[in-house]
PDB file of N, CA and C in Angstrom:
ATOM      1  N   MET A   1     -27.361 -41.691  15.581  1.00  0.00           N
ATOM      2  CA  MET A   1     -26.430 -41.107  14.454  1.00  0.00           C
ATOM      3  C   MET A   1     -26.758 -39.588  14.408  1.00  0.00           C
ATOM      4  N   LEU A   2     -25.731 -38.785  14.249  1.00  0.00           N
ATOM      5  CA  LEU A   2     -25.919 -37.386  13.903  1.00  0.00           C
ATOM      6  C   LEU A   2     -26.443 -37.038  12.597  1.00  0.00           C
ATOM      7  N   ASN A   3     -27.386 -36.212  12.584  1.00  0.00           N
ATOM      8  CA  ASN A   3     -27.744 -35.630  11.219  1.00  0.00           C
ATOM      9  C   ASN A   3     -27.203 -34.237  11.192  1.00  0.00           C
ATOM     10  N   PHE A   4     -26.199 -34.319  10.331  1.00  0.00           N
ATOM     11  CA  PHE A   4     -25.384 -33.006  10.102  1.00  0.00           C
ATOM     12  C   PHE A   4     -26.187 -31.863   9.585  1.00  0.00           C
ATOM     13  N   GLU A   5     -27.200 -32.106   8.674  1.00  0.00           N
ATOM     14  CA  GLU A   5     -28.042 -31.116   8.159  1.00  0.00           C
ATOM     15  C   GLU A   5     -28.845 -30.396   9.237  1.00  0.00           C
ATOM     16  N   GLU A   6     -29.456 -31.211  10.169  1.00  0.00           N
ATOM     17  CA  GLU A   6     -30.165 -30.674  11.172  1.00  0.00           C
ATOM     18  C   GLU A   6     -29.286 -29.906  12.215  1.00  0.00           C
ATOM     19  N   GLU A   7     -28.109 -30.461  12.437  1.00  0.00           N
ATOM     20  CA  GLU A   7     -27.244 -29.659  13.338  1.00  0.00           C
ATOM     21  C   GLU A   7     -26.699 -28.331  12.806  1.00  0.00           C
ATOM     22  N   LEU A   8     -26.529 -28.339  11.534  1.00  0.00           N
ATOM     23  CA  LEU A   8     -26.272 -26.980  10.917  1.00  0.00           C
ATOM     24  C   LEU A   8     -27.218 -26.044  11.025  1.00  0.00           C
ATOM     25  N   LYS A   9     -28.528 -26.447  10.845  1.00  0.00           N
ATOM     26  CA  LYS A   9     -29.698 -25.521  10.923  1.00  0.00           C
ATOM     27  C   LYS A   9     -29.655 -24.934  12.442  1.00  0.00           C
ATOM     28  N   LYS A  10     -29.252 -25.652  13.378  1.00  0.00           N
ATOM     29  CA  LYS A  10     -29.393 -25.174  14.762  1.00  0.00           C
ATOM     30  C   LYS A  10     -28.090 -24.245  15.085  1.00  0.00           C
ATOM     31  N   TYR A  11     -27.077 -24.381  14.358  1.00  0.00           N
ATOM     32  CA  TYR A  11     -25.857 -23.505  14.575  1.00  0.00           C
ATOM     33  C   TYR A  11     -26.148 -22.044  14.640  1.00  0.00           C
ATOM     34  N   LYS A  12     -25.552 -21.441  15.738  1.00  0.00           N
ATOM     35  CA  LYS A  12     -25.536 -20.022  15.935  1.00  0.00           C
ATOM     36  C   LYS A  12     -24.217 -19.684  16.275  1.00  0.00           C
ATOM     37  N   PRO A  13     -23.486 -18.601  15.596  1.00  0.00           N
ATOM     38  CA  PRO A  13     -22.225 -18.204  16.110  1.00  0.00           C
ATOM     39  C   PRO A  13     -22.128 -17.632  17.538  1.00  0.00           C
ATOM     40  N   SER A  14     -21.200 -17.866  18.138  1.00  0.00           N
ATOM     41  CA  SER A  14     -21.002 -17.419  19.626  1.00  0.00           C
ATOM     42  C   SER A  14     -20.920 -15.886  19.506  1.00  0.00           C
ATOM     43  N   LEU A  15     -21.501 -15.132  20.457  1.00  0.00           N
ATOM     44  CA  LEU A  15     -21.308 -13.771  20.571  1.00  0.00           C
ATOM     45  C   LEU A  15     -19.926 -13.371  20.767  1.00  0.00           C
ATOM     46  N   GLU A  16     -19.155 -14.192  21.522  1.00  0.00           N
ATOM     47  CA  GLU A  16     -17.730 -13.957  21.822  1.00  0.00           C
ATOM     48  C   GLU A  16     -16.894 -13.807  20.644  1.00  0.00           C
ATOM     49  N   VAL A  17     -17.191 -14.613  19.461  1.00  0.00           N
ATOM     50  CA  VAL A  17     -16.559 -14.540  18.169  1.00  0.00           C
ATOM     51  C   VAL A  17     -16.907 -13.085  17.560  1.00  0.00           C
ATOM     52  N   GLU A  18     -17.901 -12.616  17.638  1.00  0.00           N
ATOM     53  CA  GLU A  18     -18.313 -11.404  17.030  1.00  0.00           C
ATOM     54  C   GLU A  18     -17.530 -10.264  17.857  1.00  0.00           C
ATOM     55  N   ASP A  19     -17.529 -10.287  19.163  1.00  0.00           N
ATOM     56  CA  ASP A  19     -16.855  -9.408  19.972  1.00  0.00           C
ATOM     57  C   ASP A  19     -15.355  -9.364  19.687  1.00  0.00           C
ATOM     58  N   ILE A  20     -14.735 -10.651  19.542  1.00  0.00           N
ATOM     59  CA  ILE A  20     -13.320 -10.629  19.216  1.00  0.00           C
ATOM     60  C   ILE A  20     -13.087 -10.034  17.813  1.00  0.00           C
ATOM     61  N   GLU A  21     -13.811 -10.438  16.850  1.00  0.00           N
ATOM     62  CA  GLU A  21     -13.647  -9.929  15.533  1.00  0.00           C
ATOM     63  C   GLU A  21     -13.714  -8.287  15.661  1.00  0.00           C
ATOM     64  N   LYS A  22     -14.629  -7.772  16.276  1.00  0.00           N
ATOM     65  CA  LYS A  22     -14.628  -6.255  16.414  1.00  0.00           C
ATOM     66  C   LYS A  22     -13.340  -5.748  16.943  1.00  0.00           C
ATOM     67  N   ALA A  23     -12.892  -6.366  18.062  1.00  0.00           N
ATOM     68  CA  ALA A  23     -11.747  -5.820  18.808  1.00  0.00           C
ATOM     69  C   ALA A  23     -10.468  -5.950  17.970  1.00  0.00           C
ATOM     70  N   VAL A  24     -10.390  -6.996  17.174  1.00  0.00           N
ATOM     71  CA  VAL A  24      -9.248  -7.150  16.330  1.00  0.00           C
ATOM     72  C   VAL A  24      -9.155  -6.170  15.222  1.00  0.00           C
ATOM     73  N   TYR A  25     -10.272  -5.881  14.589  1.00  0.00           N
ATOM     74  CA  TYR A  25     -10.207  -4.889  13.591  1.00  0.00           C
ATOM     75  C   TYR A  25     -10.138  -3.477  14.187  1.00  0.00           C
ATOM     76  N   GLU A  26     -10.393  -3.203  15.362  1.00  0.00           N
ATOM     77  CA  GLU A  26     -10.334  -1.843  15.962  1.00  0.00           C
ATOM     78  C   GLU A  26      -8.780  -1.605  16.457  1.00  0.00           C
ATOM     79  N   GLU A  27      -8.148  -2.871  16.847  1.00  0.00           N
ATOM     80  CA  GLU A  27      -6.898  -2.686  17.429  1.00  0.00           C
ATOM     81  C   GLU A  27      -5.752  -2.355  16.416  1.00  0.00           C
ATOM     82  N   ASP A  28      -4.901  -1.511  16.749  1.00  0.00           N
ATOM     83  CA  ASP A  28      -3.640  -1.148  15.995  1.00  0.00           C
ATOM     84  C   ASP A  28      -2.691  -2.323  16.081  1.00  0.00           C
ATOM     85  N   LEU A  29      -2.597  -3.231  15.240  1.00  0.00           N
ATOM     86  CA  LEU A  29      -1.805  -4.443  15.245  1.00  0.00           C
ATOM     87  C   LEU A  29      -0.417  -4.156  14.693  1.00  0.00           C
ATOM     88  N   THR A  30       0.628  -4.360  15.389  1.00  0.00           N
ATOM     89  CA  THR A  30       2.011  -4.191  14.857  1.00  0.00           C
ATOM     90  C   THR A  30       2.558  -5.549  14.359  1.00  0.00           C
ATOM     91  N   ASP A  31       2.979  -5.496  13.141  1.00  0.00           N
ATOM     92  CA  ASP A  31       3.546  -6.689  12.493  1.00  0.00           C
ATOM     93  C   ASP A  31       5.105  -6.797  12.517  1.00  0.00           C
ATOM     94  N   MET A  32       5.571  -7.751  12.041  1.00  0.00           N
ATOM     95  CA  MET A  32       7.046  -7.908  12.122  1.00  0.00           C
ATOM     96  C   MET A  32       7.808  -6.805  11.307  1.00  0.00           C
ATOM     97  N   THR A  33       7.222  -6.390  10.204  1.00  0.00           N
ATOM     98  CA  THR A  33       7.815  -5.353   9.361  1.00  0.00           C
ATOM     99  C   THR A  33       7.835  -4.031  10.194  1.00  0.00           C
ATOM    100  N   ASP A  34       6.639  -3.650  10.917  1.00  0.00           N
ATOM    101  CA  ASP A  34       6.750  -2.536  11.824  1.00  0.00           C
ATOM    102  C   ASP A  34       7.834  -2.506  12.712  1.00  0.00           C
ATOM    103  N   ILE A  35       8.177  -3.682  13.432  1.00  0.00           N
ATOM    104  CA  ILE A  35       9.018  -3.866  14.403  1.00  0.00           C
ATOM    105  C   ILE A  35      10.510  -3.795  13.870  1.00  0.00           C
ATOM    106  N   LEU A  36      10.678  -4.366  12.582  1.00  0.00           N
ATOM    107  CA  LEU A  36      12.043  -4.325  11.958  1.00  0.00           C
ATOM    108  C   LEU A  36      12.222  -2.771  11.604  1.00  0.00           C
ATOM    109  N   ARG A  37      11.246  -2.025  11.105  1.00  0.00           N
ATOM    110  CA  ARG A  37      11.548  -0.584  10.727  1.00  0.00           C
ATOM    111  C   ARG A  37      11.921   0.097  11.930  1.00  0.00           C
ATOM    112  N   GLU A  38      11.329  -0.087  12.967  1.00  0.00           N
ATOM    113  CA  GLU A  38      11.484   0.739  14.231  1.00  0.00           C
ATOM    114  C   GLU A  38      12.977   0.292  14.628  1.00  0.00           C
ATOM    115  N   MET A  39      13.418  -0.807  14.605  1.00  0.00           N
ATOM    116  CA  MET A  39      14.786  -1.320  14.997  1.00  0.00           C
ATOM    117  C   MET A  39      15.850  -0.634  14.110  1.00  0.00           C
ATOM    118  N   LEU A  40      15.579  -0.624  12.932  1.00  0.00           N
ATOM    119  CA  LEU A  40      16.527   0.097  11.838  1.00  0.00           C
ATOM    120  C   LEU A  40      16.551   1.609  12.095  1.00  0.00           C
ATOM    121  N   ASP A  41      15.482   2.185  12.299  1.00  0.00           N
ATOM    122  CA  ASP A  41      15.485   3.633  12.747  1.00  0.00           C
ATOM    123  C   ASP A  41      16.273   3.968  13.798  1.00  0.00           C
ATOM    124  N   LYS A  42      16.211   3.095  14.981  1.00  0.00           N
ATOM    125  CA  LYS A  42      16.924   3.351  16.197  1.00  0.00           C
ATOM    126  C   LYS A  42      18.583   3.170  15.907  1.00  0.00           C
ATOM    127  N   THR A  43      18.885   2.348  14.975  1.00  0.00           N
ATOM    128  CA  THR A  43      20.317   2.190  14.586  1.00  0.00           C
ATOM    129  C   THR A  43      20.906   3.383  13.845  1.00  0.00           C
ATOM    130  N   LYS A  44      20.133   4.112  13.207  1.00  0.00           N
ATOM    131  CA  LYS A  44      20.657   5.204  12.460  1.00  0.00           C
ATOM    132  C   LYS A  44      21.144   6.469  13.283  1.00  0.00           C
TER     133      LYS A  44
END
């Protein structure tokens, strides 16, 4: 049977997760509001 307390002690986050987190924060993400504003500006 699994001992969850022991397994949690062994847990280490993947380096990939940290890399992805950094990339997401550095990326200029466009959201739906930005897209709608751009569309409205083009119709004027």
